PDB file of all heavy atoms in Angstrom:
ATOM      1  N   ARG A   1      10.603  18.205 -13.015  1.00  0.00           N
ATOM      2  CA  ARG A   1      10.484  18.703 -14.430  1.00  0.00           C
ATOM      3  C   ARG A   1      11.558  18.129 -15.345  1.00  0.00           C
ATOM      4  O   ARG A   1      11.324  17.915 -16.512  1.00  0.00           O
ATOM      5  CB  ARG A   1      10.627  20.235 -14.414  1.00  0.00           C
ATOM      6  CG  ARG A   1       9.451  20.953 -13.802  1.00  0.00           C
ATOM      7  CD  ARG A   1       9.558  22.476 -14.121  1.00  0.00           C
ATOM      8  NE  ARG A   1       8.521  23.226 -13.503  1.00  0.00           N
ATOM      9  CZ  ARG A   1       8.661  24.013 -12.419  1.00  0.00           C
ATOM     10  NH1 ARG A   1       9.837  24.100 -11.833  1.00  0.00           N
ATOM     11  NH2 ARG A   1       7.649  24.684 -11.928  1.00  0.00           N
ATOM     12  N   ALA A   2      12.732  17.865 -14.826  1.00  0.00           N
ATOM     13  CA  ALA A   2      13.860  17.416 -15.642  1.00  0.00           C
ATOM     14  C   ALA A   2      13.834  15.909 -15.911  1.00  0.00           C
ATOM     15  O   ALA A   2      14.570  15.426 -16.763  1.00  0.00           O
ATOM     16  CB  ALA A   2      15.185  17.767 -14.988  1.00  0.00           C
ATOM     17  N   GLN A   3      12.996  15.181 -15.200  1.00  0.00           N
ATOM     18  CA  GLN A   3      12.976  13.722 -15.340  1.00  0.00           C
ATOM     19  C   GLN A   3      12.509  13.327 -16.743  1.00  0.00           C
ATOM     20  O   GLN A   3      11.386  13.621 -17.134  1.00  0.00           O
ATOM     21  CB  GLN A   3      12.059  13.112 -14.278  1.00  0.00           C
ATOM     22  CG  GLN A   3      11.963  11.596 -14.333  1.00  0.00           C
ATOM     23  CD  GLN A   3      13.287  10.924 -14.166  1.00  0.00           C
ATOM     24  OE1 GLN A   3      13.847  10.430 -15.156  1.00  0.00           O
ATOM     25  NE2 GLN A   3      13.811  10.885 -12.950  1.00  0.00           N
ATOM     26  N   GLN A   4      13.380  12.684 -17.537  1.00  0.00           N
ATOM     27  CA  GLN A   4      13.046  12.344 -18.934  1.00  0.00           C
ATOM     28  C   GLN A   4      12.304  11.040 -19.045  1.00  0.00           C
ATOM     29  O   GLN A   4      11.494  10.868 -19.946  1.00  0.00           O
ATOM     30  CB  GLN A   4      14.357  12.322 -19.761  1.00  0.00           C
ATOM     31  CG  GLN A   4      15.026  13.666 -19.838  1.00  0.00           C
ATOM     32  CD  GLN A   4      16.178  13.640 -20.813  1.00  0.00           C
ATOM     33  OE1 GLN A   4      16.239  12.841 -21.736  1.00  0.00           O
ATOM     34  NE2 GLN A   4      17.135  14.536 -20.614  1.00  0.00           N
ATOM     35  N   ASP A   5      12.617  10.079 -18.177  1.00  0.00           N
ATOM     36  CA  ASP A   5      11.930   8.801 -18.257  1.00  0.00           C
ATOM     37  C   ASP A   5      10.480   8.922 -17.808  1.00  0.00           C
ATOM     38  O   ASP A   5      10.211   9.348 -16.677  1.00  0.00           O
ATOM     39  CB  ASP A   5      12.686   7.790 -17.345  1.00  0.00           C
ATOM     40  CG  ASP A   5      12.105   6.387 -17.489  1.00  0.00           C
ATOM     41  OD1 ASP A   5      12.481   5.686 -18.413  1.00  0.00           O
ATOM     42  OD2 ASP A   5      11.204   6.054 -16.667  1.00  0.00           O
ATOM     43  N   ILE A   6       9.568   8.565 -18.695  1.00  0.00           N
ATOM     44  CA  ILE A   6       8.144   8.788 -18.402  1.00  0.00           C
ATOM     45  C   ILE A   6       7.713   8.012 -17.178  1.00  0.00           C
ATOM     46  O   ILE A   6       7.031   8.546 -16.299  1.00  0.00           O
ATOM     47  CB  ILE A   6       7.290   8.366 -19.640  1.00  0.00           C
ATOM     48  CG1 ILE A   6       7.594   9.308 -20.796  1.00  0.00           C
ATOM     49  CG2 ILE A   6       5.811   8.424 -19.294  1.00  0.00           C
ATOM     50  CD1 ILE A   6       6.877   8.909 -22.098  1.00  0.00           C
ATOM     51  N   GLU A   7       8.107   6.705 -17.084  1.00  0.00           N
ATOM     52  CA  GLU A   7       7.681   5.873 -15.960  1.00  0.00           C
ATOM     53  C   GLU A   7       8.240   6.418 -14.651  1.00  0.00           C
ATOM     54  O   GLU A   7       7.547   6.458 -13.629  1.00  0.00           O
ATOM     55  CB  GLU A   7       8.118   4.431 -16.190  1.00  0.00           C
ATOM     56  CG  GLU A   7       7.340   3.732 -17.293  1.00  0.00           C
ATOM     57  CD  GLU A   7       7.680   2.263 -17.364  1.00  0.00           C
ATOM     58  OE1 GLU A   7       8.376   1.747 -16.445  1.00  0.00           O
ATOM     59  OE2 GLU A   7       7.300   1.615 -18.340  1.00  0.00           O
ATOM     60  N   ALA A   8       9.523   6.826 -14.669  1.00  0.00           N
ATOM     61  CA  ALA A   8      10.146   7.362 -13.474  1.00  0.00           C
ATOM     62  C   ALA A   8       9.485   8.671 -13.033  1.00  0.00           C
ATOM     63  O   ALA A   8       9.290   8.915 -11.856  1.00  0.00           O
ATOM     64  CB  ALA A   8      11.650   7.597 -13.714  1.00  0.00           C
ATOM     65  N   ARG A   9       9.101   9.491 -14.034  1.00  0.00           N
ATOM     66  CA  ARG A   9       8.451  10.765 -13.685  1.00  0.00           C
ATOM     67  C   ARG A   9       7.065  10.492 -13.091  1.00  0.00           C
ATOM     68  O   ARG A   9       6.658  11.130 -12.126  1.00  0.00           O
ATOM     69  CB  ARG A   9       8.320  11.629 -14.957  1.00  0.00           C
ATOM     70  CG  ARG A   9       7.781  13.027 -14.662  1.00  0.00           C
ATOM     71  CD  ARG A   9       7.958  13.951 -15.853  1.00  0.00           C
ATOM     72  NE  ARG A   9       7.127  13.589 -16.993  1.00  0.00           N
ATOM     73  CZ  ARG A   9       7.612  13.056 -18.118  1.00  0.00           C
ATOM     74  NH1 ARG A   9       8.900  12.819 -18.255  1.00  0.00           N
ATOM     75  NH2 ARG A   9       6.824  12.777 -19.122  1.00  0.00           N
ATOM     76  N   GLN A  10       6.318   9.530 -13.707  1.00  0.00           N
ATOM     77  CA  GLN A  10       5.009   9.213 -13.175  1.00  0.00           C
ATOM     78  C   GLN A  10       5.106   8.638 -11.762  1.00  0.00           C
ATOM     79  O   GLN A  10       4.292   8.963 -10.886  1.00  0.00           O
ATOM     80  CB  GLN A  10       4.320   8.163 -14.091  1.00  0.00           C
ATOM     81  CG  GLN A  10       3.989   8.677 -15.469  1.00  0.00           C
ATOM     82  CD  GLN A  10       2.863   9.700 -15.450  1.00  0.00           C
ATOM     83  OE1 GLN A  10       2.116   9.822 -14.489  1.00  0.00           O
ATOM     84  NE2 GLN A  10       2.731  10.423 -16.554  1.00  0.00           N
ATOM     85  N   GLN A  11       6.146   7.822 -11.520  1.00  0.00           N
ATOM     86  CA  GLN A  11       6.368   7.263 -10.170  1.00  0.00           C
ATOM     87  C   GLN A  11       6.682   8.324  -9.163  1.00  0.00           C
ATOM     88  O   GLN A  11       6.198   8.334  -8.034  1.00  0.00           O
ATOM     89  CB  GLN A  11       7.492   6.221 -10.245  1.00  0.00           C
ATOM     90  CG  GLN A  11       7.728   5.487  -8.945  1.00  0.00           C
ATOM     91  CD  GLN A  11       6.533   4.729  -8.463  1.00  0.00           C
ATOM     92  OE1 GLN A  11       5.967   3.942  -9.235  1.00  0.00           O
ATOM     93  NE2 GLN A  11       6.132   4.912  -7.209  1.00  0.00           N
ATOM     94  N   ALA A  12       7.506   9.289  -9.571  1.00  0.00           N
ATOM     95  CA  ALA A  12       7.871  10.373  -8.679  1.00  0.00           C
ATOM     96  C   ALA A  12       6.646  11.233  -8.323  1.00  0.00           C
ATOM     97  O   ALA A  12       6.482  11.606  -7.141  1.00  0.00           O
ATOM     98  CB  ALA A  12       8.950  11.275  -9.341  1.00  0.00           C
ATOM     99  N   MET A  13       5.803  11.516  -9.299  1.00  0.00           N
ATOM    100  CA  MET A  13       4.609  12.289  -9.033  1.00  0.00           C
ATOM    101  C   MET A  13       3.648  11.521  -8.114  1.00  0.00           C
ATOM    102  O   MET A  13       3.033  12.105  -7.222  1.00  0.00           O
ATOM    103  CB  MET A  13       3.915  12.656 -10.360  1.00  0.00           C
ATOM    104  CG  MET A  13       4.652  13.713 -11.163  1.00  0.00           C
ATOM    105  SD  MET A  13       3.727  14.359 -12.565  1.00  0.00           S
ATOM    106  CE  MET A  13       3.674  12.985 -13.662  1.00  0.00           C
ATOM    107  N   GLN A  14       3.560  10.181  -8.356  1.00  0.00           N
ATOM    108  CA  GLN A  14       2.682   9.383  -7.495  1.00  0.00           C
ATOM    109  C   GLN A  14       3.216   9.390  -6.072  1.00  0.00           C
ATOM    110  O   GLN A  14       2.418   9.441  -5.108  1.00  0.00           O
ATOM    111  CB  GLN A  14       2.625   7.958  -8.076  1.00  0.00           C
ATOM    112  CG  GLN A  14       1.697   7.000  -7.310  1.00  0.00           C
ATOM    113  CD  GLN A  14       0.236   7.455  -7.348  1.00  0.00           C
ATOM    114  OE1 GLN A  14      -0.170   8.084  -8.364  1.00  0.00           O
ATOM    115  NE2 GLN A  14      -0.499   7.219  -6.312  1.00  0.00           N
ATOM    116  N   THR A  15       4.527   9.249  -5.911  1.00  0.00           N
ATOM    117  CA  THR A  15       5.133   9.259  -4.566  1.00  0.00           C
ATOM    118  C   THR A  15       4.846  10.567  -3.839  1.00  0.00           C
ATOM    119  O   THR A  15       4.487  10.552  -2.654  1.00  0.00           O
ATOM    120  CB  THR A  15       6.658   9.026  -4.658  1.00  0.00           C
ATOM    121  OG1 THR A  15       6.905   7.774  -5.329  1.00  0.00           O
ATOM    122  CG2 THR A  15       7.291   9.020  -3.308  1.00  0.00           C
ATOM    123  N   LEU A  16       5.023  11.675  -4.543  1.00  0.00           N
ATOM    124  CA  LEU A  16       4.724  12.988  -3.920  1.00  0.00           C
ATOM    125  C   LEU A  16       3.273  13.075  -3.507  1.00  0.00           C
ATOM    126  O   LEU A  16       2.943  13.571  -2.429  1.00  0.00           O
ATOM    127  CB  LEU A  16       5.033  14.104  -4.911  1.00  0.00           C
ATOM    128  CG  LEU A  16       6.509  14.532  -5.047  1.00  0.00           C
ATOM    129  CD1 LEU A  16       6.667  15.556  -6.147  1.00  0.00           C
ATOM    130  CD2 LEU A  16       7.014  15.119  -3.729  1.00  0.00           C
ATOM    131  N   SER A  17       2.381  12.578  -4.384  1.00  0.00           N
ATOM    132  CA  SER A  17       0.938  12.641  -4.074  1.00  0.00           C
ATOM    133  C   SER A  17       0.606  11.831  -2.826  1.00  0.00           C
ATOM    134  O   SER A  17      -0.190  12.275  -1.996  1.00  0.00           O
ATOM    135  CB  SER A  17       0.125  12.099  -5.263  1.00  0.00           C
ATOM    136  OG  SER A  17       0.275  12.943  -6.377  1.00  0.00           O
ATOM    137  N   VAL A  18       1.264  10.670  -2.712  1.00  0.00           N
ATOM    138  CA  VAL A  18       0.994   9.815  -1.527  1.00  0.00           C
ATOM    139  C   VAL A  18       1.615  10.413  -0.256  1.00  0.00           C
ATOM    140  O   VAL A  18       0.967  10.563   0.786  1.00  0.00           O
ATOM    141  CB  VAL A  18       1.541   8.394  -1.783  1.00  0.00           C
ATOM    142  CG1 VAL A  18       1.448   7.595  -0.506  1.00  0.00           C
ATOM    143  CG2 VAL A  18       0.757   7.724  -2.906  1.00  0.00           C
ATOM    144  N   LEU A  19       2.887  10.817  -0.348  1.00  0.00           N
ATOM    145  CA  LEU A  19       3.598  11.318   0.835  1.00  0.00           C
ATOM    146  C   LEU A  19       2.950  12.591   1.407  1.00  0.00           C
ATOM    147  O   LEU A  19       2.882  12.797   2.607  1.00  0.00           O
ATOM    148  CB  LEU A  19       5.043  11.611   0.468  1.00  0.00           C
ATOM    149  CG  LEU A  19       5.930  10.377   0.217  1.00  0.00           C
ATOM    150  CD1 LEU A  19       7.328  10.800  -0.187  1.00  0.00           C
ATOM    151  CD2 LEU A  19       6.003   9.491   1.473  1.00  0.00           C
ATOM    152  N   PHE A  20       2.482  13.481   0.507  1.00  0.00           N
ATOM    153  CA  PHE A  20       1.913  14.733   0.945  1.00  0.00           C
ATOM    154  C   PHE A  20       0.385  14.744   0.900  1.00  0.00           C
ATOM    155  O   PHE A  20      -0.244  15.760   1.143  1.00  0.00           O
ATOM    156  CB  PHE A  20       2.438  15.897   0.075  1.00  0.00           C
ATOM    157  CG  PHE A  20       3.860  16.240   0.355  1.00  0.00           C
ATOM    158  CD1 PHE A  20       4.896  15.650  -0.372  1.00  0.00           C
ATOM    159  CD2 PHE A  20       4.193  17.147   1.351  1.00  0.00           C
ATOM    160  CE1 PHE A  20       6.205  15.941  -0.109  1.00  0.00           C
ATOM    161  CE2 PHE A  20       5.519  17.471   1.596  1.00  0.00           C
ATOM    162  CZ  PHE A  20       6.542  16.879   0.888  1.00  0.00           C
ATOM    163  N   ASN A  21      -0.220  13.544   0.580  1.00  0.00           N
ATOM    164  CA  ASN A  21      -1.673  13.420   0.588  1.00  0.00           C
ATOM    165  C   ASN A  21      -2.299  14.476  -0.333  1.00  0.00           C
ATOM    166  O   ASN A  21      -3.300  15.137   0.005  1.00  0.00           O
ATOM    167  CB  ASN A  21      -2.223  13.565   2.016  1.00  0.00           C
ATOM    168  CG  ASN A  21      -3.563  12.890   2.173  1.00  0.00           C
ATOM    169  OD1 ASN A  21      -3.961  12.077   1.346  1.00  0.00           O
ATOM    170  ND2 ASN A  21      -4.282  13.249   3.217  1.00  0.00           N
ATOM    171  N   LEU A  22      -1.706  14.624  -1.538  1.00  0.00           N
ATOM    172  CA  LEU A  22      -2.146  15.697  -2.438  1.00  0.00           C
ATOM    173  C   LEU A  22      -3.519  15.461  -3.055  1.00  0.00           C
ATOM    174  O   LEU A  22      -4.277  16.392  -3.301  1.00  0.00           O
ATOM    175  CB  LEU A  22      -1.129  15.893  -3.540  1.00  0.00           C
ATOM    176  CG  LEU A  22       0.299  16.306  -3.097  1.00  0.00           C
ATOM    177  CD1 LEU A  22       1.184  16.508  -4.316  1.00  0.00           C
ATOM    178  CD2 LEU A  22       0.242  17.580  -2.278  1.00  0.00           C
ATOM    179  N   GLU A  23      -3.862  14.203  -3.313  1.00  0.00           N
ATOM    180  CA  GLU A  23      -5.164  13.924  -3.918  1.00  0.00           C
ATOM    181  C   GLU A  23      -6.290  14.321  -3.003  1.00  0.00           C
ATOM    182  O   GLU A  23      -7.290  14.892  -3.419  1.00  0.00           O
ATOM    183  CB  GLU A  23      -5.270  12.432  -4.234  1.00  0.00           C
ATOM    184  CG  GLU A  23      -4.374  12.027  -5.411  1.00  0.00           C
ATOM    185  CD  GLU A  23      -4.534  10.562  -5.794  1.00  0.00           C
ATOM    186  OE1 GLU A  23      -5.491   9.934  -5.273  1.00  0.00           O
ATOM    187  OE2 GLU A  23      -3.756  10.073  -6.612  1.00  0.00           O
ATOM    188  N   LYS A  24      -6.074  14.091  -1.693  1.00  0.00           N
ATOM    189  CA  LYS A  24      -7.097  14.473  -0.705  1.00  0.00           C
ATOM    190  C   LYS A  24      -7.214  16.001  -0.642  1.00  0.00           C
ATOM    191  O   LYS A  24      -8.323  16.555  -0.577  1.00  0.00           O
ATOM    192  CB  LYS A  24      -6.711  13.935   0.689  1.00  0.00           C
ATOM    193  CG  LYS A  24      -7.774  14.182   1.734  1.00  0.00           C
ATOM    194  CD  LYS A  24      -7.387  13.480   3.037  1.00  0.00           C
ATOM    195  CE  LYS A  24      -8.440  13.730   4.111  1.00  0.00           C
ATOM    196  NZ  LYS A  24      -8.049  13.084   5.390  1.00  0.00           N
ATOM    197  N   THR A  25      -6.083  16.688  -0.777  1.00  0.00           N
ATOM    198  CA  THR A  25      -6.086  18.155  -0.775  1.00  0.00           C
ATOM    199  C   THR A  25      -6.844  18.683  -1.983  1.00  0.00           C
ATOM    200  O   THR A  25      -7.636  19.599  -1.893  1.00  0.00           O
ATOM    201  CB  THR A  25      -4.641  18.704  -0.797  1.00  0.00           C
ATOM    202  OG1 THR A  25      -3.912  18.167   0.311  1.00  0.00           O
ATOM    203  CG2 THR A  25      -4.621  20.222  -0.774  1.00  0.00           C
ATOM    204  N   ALA A  26      -6.547  18.070  -3.164  1.00  0.00           N
ATOM    205  CA  ALA A  26      -7.223  18.521  -4.404  1.00  0.00           C
ATOM    206  C   ALA A  26      -8.704  18.286  -4.324  1.00  0.00           C
ATOM    207  O   ALA A  26      -9.513  19.108  -4.743  1.00  0.00           O
ATOM    208  CB  ALA A  26      -6.643  17.784  -5.600  1.00  0.00           C
ATOM    209  N   ASN A  27      -9.111  17.102  -3.766  1.00  0.00           N
ATOM    210  CA  ASN A  27     -10.535  16.830  -3.638  1.00  0.00           C
ATOM    211  C   ASN A  27     -11.245  17.795  -2.750  1.00  0.00           C
ATOM    212  O   ASN A  27     -12.390  18.209  -2.986  1.00  0.00           O
ATOM    213  CB  ASN A  27     -10.727  15.422  -3.106  1.00  0.00           C
ATOM    214  CG  ASN A  27     -10.335  14.343  -4.140  1.00  0.00           C
ATOM    215  OD1 ASN A  27     -10.336  14.628  -5.319  1.00  0.00           O
ATOM    216  ND2 ASN A  27      -9.954  13.153  -3.649  1.00  0.00           N
ATOM    217  N   LYS A  28     -10.577  18.258  -1.679  1.00  0.00           N
ATOM    218  CA  LYS A  28     -11.157  19.230  -0.774  1.00  0.00           C
ATOM    219  C   LYS A  28     -11.415  20.548  -1.485  1.00  0.00           C
ATOM    220  O   LYS A  28     -12.403  21.226  -1.328  1.00  0.00           O
ATOM    221  CB  LYS A  28     -10.253  19.476   0.435  1.00  0.00           C
ATOM    222  CG  LYS A  28     -10.337  18.403   1.505  1.00  0.00           C
ATOM    223  CD  LYS A  28      -9.445  18.771   2.681  1.00  0.00           C
ATOM    224  CE  LYS A  28      -9.542  17.732   3.782  1.00  0.00           C
ATOM    225  NZ  LYS A  28      -8.667  18.055   4.906  1.00  0.00           N
ATOM    226  N   GLN A  29     -10.407  20.912  -2.380  1.00  0.00           N
ATOM    227  CA  GLN A  29     -10.515  22.178  -3.071  1.00  0.00           C
ATOM    228  C   GLN A  29     -11.717  22.205  -4.053  1.00  0.00           C
ATOM    229  O   GLN A  29     -12.336  23.260  -4.249  1.00  0.00           O
ATOM    230  CB  GLN A  29      -9.268  22.468  -3.880  1.00  0.00           C
ATOM    231  CG  GLN A  29      -8.051  22.786  -3.015  1.00  0.00           C
ATOM    232  CD  GLN A  29      -6.793  22.958  -3.799  1.00  0.00           C
ATOM    233  OE1 GLN A  29      -6.736  22.618  -4.993  1.00  0.00           O
ATOM    234  NE2 GLN A  29      -5.774  23.555  -3.210  1.00  0.00           N
TER     235      GLN A  29
END
C-alpha cells in the first residue's frame, strides 16, 4: 500500500500474483 512508485507497485503485485498463483485462484472463484 505504501509503495509510491507506480511501476514498482505494479511489479510487486505481479510478483505476488505469480508466487502465490493468485490469478488461478481468482479464476477458480
